[in-house]
Every structure is written in C-alpha cells, then in structure tokens.
C-alpha cells in the first residue's frame, strides 16, 4: 500500500483453497508515500486447480490500476 493505493484479494470459485489470514502491517510513520504491507495466508482445502487474483486500486477509484492473477495447483 503506497500513496493511498490498496491491494485487494479476489477469490475464485474453485474451492481448492481458502483465505486463512490477512495481515496488515502499517508503516511506522504516517508520512505520505511510506509503504505498508499486506500478507495473505492461504490454506489448501482439496486437490485441484484454481487461481488467486489481486487487484491494485488507486485512491477513490472503482477500477483497478493493475491486476495480477496467479494460477495454483493443489496436489496431495
């Protein structure tokens, strides 16, 4: 998270994983432009394939400035 931009996680409907925990680490100062950090921990539910999508939103915007999709495969 920098300059008001915020990452959001978007789940798929695969059912192979679930979001176990979301951790937000705030910057040590409130100065503009100091980055914070988000950490997403996922848990495998069953074997299969799915995807994890992250979208970066500018401040006050409804459309993402960037989208990252990661394909995953869960095996035993």
N, C-alpha and C. Protein backbone atom coordinates (compact mmCIF):
# COMPACT_ATOMS: atom_id res chain seq x y z
N UNK A 1 0.85 -1.17 0.00
CA UNK A 1 0.00 0.00 0.00
C UNK A 1 0.90 1.24 0.00
N UNK A 2 0.83 2.01 -1.04
CA UNK A 2 1.59 3.25 -1.07
C UNK A 2 0.75 4.35 -1.68
N UNK A 3 0.92 5.54 -1.17
CA UNK A 3 0.23 6.72 -1.70
C UNK A 3 -1.27 6.51 -1.84
N UNK A 4 -1.86 5.77 -0.94
CA UNK A 4 -3.30 5.55 -0.98
C UNK A 4 -3.74 4.40 -1.86
N UNK A 5 -2.84 3.82 -2.63
CA UNK A 5 -3.18 2.64 -3.43
C UNK A 5 -3.35 1.45 -2.50
N UNK A 6 -4.30 0.57 -2.81
CA UNK A 6 -4.59 -0.57 -1.95
C UNK A 6 -4.77 -1.84 -2.76
N UNK A 7 -4.12 -2.91 -2.33
CA UNK A 7 -4.29 -4.23 -2.96
C UNK A 7 -5.48 -4.93 -2.33
N UNK A 8 -6.28 -5.62 -3.17
CA UNK A 8 -7.42 -6.42 -2.72
C UNK A 8 -7.30 -7.82 -3.29
N UNK A 9 -7.63 -8.80 -2.48
CA UNK A 9 -7.65 -10.20 -2.90
C UNK A 9 -9.04 -10.56 -3.41
N UNK A 10 -9.10 -11.26 -4.53
CA UNK A 10 -10.38 -11.72 -5.10
C UNK A 10 -10.32 -13.24 -5.24
N UNK A 11 -11.16 -13.97 -4.50
CA UNK A 11 -11.15 -15.43 -4.60
C UNK A 11 -11.83 -15.91 -5.88
N UNK A 12 -11.49 -17.12 -6.29
CA UNK A 12 -12.21 -17.75 -7.39
C UNK A 12 -13.24 -18.71 -6.79
N UNK A 13 -13.90 -19.48 -7.62
CA UNK A 13 -14.90 -20.43 -7.14
C UNK A 13 -14.41 -21.87 -7.22
N UNK A 14 -13.10 -22.07 -7.22
CA UNK A 14 -12.55 -23.41 -7.39
C UNK A 14 -12.75 -24.29 -6.17
N UNK A 15 -12.73 -23.70 -4.98
CA UNK A 15 -12.88 -24.49 -3.76
C UNK A 15 -11.63 -25.26 -3.36
N UNK A 16 -10.49 -24.99 -4.01
CA UNK A 16 -9.27 -25.72 -3.66
C UNK A 16 -8.49 -25.05 -2.54
N UNK A 17 -8.83 -23.82 -2.22
CA UNK A 17 -8.14 -23.10 -1.14
C UNK A 17 -9.11 -22.17 -0.45
N UNK A 18 -8.67 -21.67 0.70
CA UNK A 18 -9.42 -20.63 1.40
C UNK A 18 -8.43 -19.64 1.98
N UNK A 19 -8.89 -18.43 2.18
CA UNK A 19 -8.06 -17.42 2.82
C UNK A 19 -8.05 -17.73 4.31
N UNK A 20 -6.87 -18.03 4.85
CA UNK A 20 -6.76 -18.37 6.26
C UNK A 20 -6.54 -17.14 7.13
N UNK A 21 -5.81 -16.16 6.58
CA UNK A 21 -5.46 -14.99 7.40
C UNK A 21 -5.02 -13.85 6.49
N UNK A 22 -5.39 -12.64 6.84
CA UNK A 22 -4.90 -11.44 6.17
C UNK A 22 -4.26 -10.55 7.23
N UNK A 23 -3.00 -10.23 7.03
CA UNK A 23 -2.24 -9.43 7.99
C UNK A 23 -1.92 -8.09 7.33
N UNK A 24 -2.20 -7.00 8.02
CA UNK A 24 -1.88 -5.66 7.52
C UNK A 24 -0.81 -5.08 8.42
N UNK A 25 0.34 -4.76 7.83
CA UNK A 25 1.43 -4.14 8.55
C UNK A 25 1.46 -2.66 8.18
N UNK A 26 1.17 -1.82 9.13
CA UNK A 26 1.12 -0.38 8.89
C UNK A 26 2.52 0.21 8.96
N UNK A 27 2.76 1.27 8.21
CA UNK A 27 4.07 1.91 8.26
C UNK A 27 4.34 2.49 9.64
N UNK A 28 5.61 2.69 9.93
CA UNK A 28 5.99 3.21 11.25
C UNK A 28 5.72 4.71 11.39
N UNK A 29 5.42 5.36 10.28
CA UNK A 29 5.11 6.80 10.31
C UNK A 29 3.89 7.05 9.42
N UNK A 30 3.18 8.11 9.67
CA UNK A 30 2.00 8.44 8.88
C UNK A 30 2.34 9.34 7.69
N UNK A 31 3.62 9.53 7.39
CA UNK A 31 4.03 10.39 6.27
C UNK A 31 3.50 9.83 4.96
N UNK A 32 3.09 10.70 4.07
CA UNK A 32 2.56 10.32 2.77
C UNK A 32 3.65 9.61 1.96
N UNK A 33 3.29 8.51 1.34
CA UNK A 33 4.21 7.79 0.48
C UNK A 33 4.98 6.68 1.18
N UNK A 34 4.83 6.54 2.50
CA UNK A 34 5.51 5.47 3.22
C UNK A 34 4.69 4.19 3.05
N UNK A 35 5.29 3.14 2.51
CA UNK A 35 4.52 1.94 2.21
C UNK A 35 4.17 1.12 3.45
N UNK A 36 3.02 0.51 3.40
CA UNK A 36 2.63 -0.50 4.36
C UNK A 36 2.71 -1.83 3.63
N UNK A 37 2.17 -2.88 4.23
CA UNK A 37 2.26 -4.19 3.60
C UNK A 37 1.05 -5.03 3.98
N UNK A 38 0.55 -5.84 3.03
CA UNK A 38 -0.49 -6.82 3.31
C UNK A 38 0.08 -8.20 3.03
N UNK A 39 -0.24 -9.13 3.91
CA UNK A 39 0.19 -10.52 3.74
C UNK A 39 -1.06 -11.38 3.76
N UNK A 40 -1.22 -12.22 2.75
CA UNK A 40 -2.34 -13.15 2.69
C UNK A 40 -1.81 -14.56 2.87
N UNK A 41 -2.37 -15.28 3.85
CA UNK A 41 -2.03 -16.69 4.06
C UNK A 41 -3.22 -17.52 3.59
N UNK A 42 -2.93 -18.50 2.73
CA UNK A 42 -3.97 -19.37 2.18
C UNK A 42 -3.81 -20.78 2.70
N UNK A 43 -4.91 -21.51 2.76
CA UNK A 43 -4.92 -22.90 3.21
C UNK A 43 -5.52 -23.76 2.10
N UNK A 44 -4.83 -24.85 1.78
CA UNK A 44 -5.34 -25.80 0.79
C UNK A 44 -6.53 -26.56 1.39
N UNK A 45 -7.59 -26.73 0.59
CA UNK A 45 -8.80 -27.43 1.03
C UNK A 45 -8.88 -28.81 0.40
N UNK A 46 -8.60 -28.86 -0.90
CA UNK A 46 -8.66 -30.14 -1.62
C UNK A 46 -7.78 -30.05 -2.85
N UNK A 47 -7.53 -31.19 -3.47
CA UNK A 47 -6.76 -31.21 -4.70
C UNK A 47 -7.52 -30.53 -5.82
N UNK A 48 -6.78 -29.95 -6.74
CA UNK A 48 -7.40 -29.32 -7.90
C UNK A 48 -6.64 -28.09 -8.34
N UNK A 49 -7.22 -27.37 -9.28
CA UNK A 49 -6.61 -26.17 -9.82
C UNK A 49 -7.51 -24.97 -9.56
N UNK A 50 -6.89 -23.84 -9.41
CA UNK A 50 -7.63 -22.60 -9.20
C UNK A 50 -6.75 -21.42 -9.54
N UNK A 51 -7.19 -20.25 -9.13
CA UNK A 51 -6.40 -19.04 -9.34
C UNK A 51 -6.62 -18.08 -8.18
N UNK A 52 -5.63 -17.27 -7.95
CA UNK A 52 -5.69 -16.24 -6.93
C UNK A 52 -5.50 -14.91 -7.66
N UNK A 53 -6.43 -13.96 -7.49
CA UNK A 53 -6.34 -12.68 -8.17
C UNK A 53 -6.16 -11.56 -7.15
N UNK A 54 -5.25 -10.67 -7.48
CA UNK A 54 -5.01 -9.48 -6.67
C UNK A 54 -5.22 -8.26 -7.56
N UNK A 55 -5.90 -7.24 -7.04
CA UNK A 55 -6.15 -6.02 -7.79
C UNK A 55 -5.64 -4.83 -6.99
N UNK A 56 -4.99 -3.90 -7.69
CA UNK A 56 -4.45 -2.69 -7.08
C UNK A 56 -5.35 -1.51 -7.45
N UNK A 57 -5.95 -0.89 -6.43
CA UNK A 57 -6.87 0.22 -6.65
C UNK A 57 -6.24 1.56 -6.25
N UNK A 58 -6.31 2.55 -7.14
CA UNK A 58 -5.88 3.90 -6.77
C UNK A 58 -6.88 4.49 -5.77
N UNK A 59 -6.48 5.51 -5.03
CA UNK A 59 -7.38 6.12 -4.06
C UNK A 59 -8.67 6.61 -4.70
N UNK A 60 -9.80 6.22 -4.13
CA UNK A 60 -11.11 6.69 -4.58
C UNK A 60 -11.59 6.12 -5.91
N UNK A 61 -10.88 5.17 -6.48
CA UNK A 61 -11.26 4.61 -7.78
C UNK A 61 -11.97 3.27 -7.63
N UNK A 62 -12.86 2.96 -8.57
CA UNK A 62 -13.60 1.70 -8.57
C UNK A 62 -12.99 0.67 -9.52
N UNK A 63 -12.11 1.13 -10.41
CA UNK A 63 -11.45 0.24 -11.37
C UNK A 63 -9.99 0.05 -10.97
N UNK A 64 -9.50 -1.20 -11.02
CA UNK A 64 -8.11 -1.44 -10.63
C UNK A 64 -7.12 -0.85 -11.64
N UNK A 65 -6.00 -0.39 -11.12
CA UNK A 65 -4.92 0.11 -11.97
C UNK A 65 -4.06 -1.05 -12.45
N UNK A 66 -4.07 -2.14 -11.69
CA UNK A 66 -3.27 -3.32 -12.04
C UNK A 66 -3.97 -4.56 -11.51
N UNK A 67 -3.88 -5.65 -12.25
CA UNK A 67 -4.44 -6.94 -11.83
C UNK A 67 -3.36 -8.00 -12.01
N UNK A 68 -3.18 -8.84 -10.99
CA UNK A 68 -2.23 -9.95 -11.05
C UNK A 68 -3.01 -11.23 -10.75
N UNK A 69 -2.91 -12.22 -11.65
CA UNK A 69 -3.57 -13.50 -11.45
C UNK A 69 -2.51 -14.59 -11.35
N UNK A 70 -2.58 -15.37 -10.28
CA UNK A 70 -1.66 -16.49 -10.08
C UNK A 70 -2.46 -17.78 -10.18
N UNK A 71 -2.04 -18.67 -11.06
CA UNK A 71 -2.67 -19.99 -11.18
C UNK A 71 -2.01 -20.92 -10.17
N UNK A 72 -2.85 -21.71 -9.50
CA UNK A 72 -2.33 -22.62 -8.48
C UNK A 72 -2.83 -24.03 -8.76
N UNK A 73 -2.04 -25.02 -8.30
CA UNK A 73 -2.45 -26.41 -8.39
C UNK A 73 -2.15 -27.06 -7.05
N UNK A 74 -3.16 -27.64 -6.45
CA UNK A 74 -3.03 -28.31 -5.17
C UNK A 74 -2.95 -29.81 -5.44
N UNK A 75 -1.87 -30.45 -4.97
CA UNK A 75 -1.73 -31.90 -5.12
C UNK A 75 -1.46 -32.49 -3.75
N UNK A 76 -1.75 -33.75 -3.62
CA UNK A 76 -1.55 -34.44 -2.35
C UNK A 76 -0.11 -34.71 -2.10
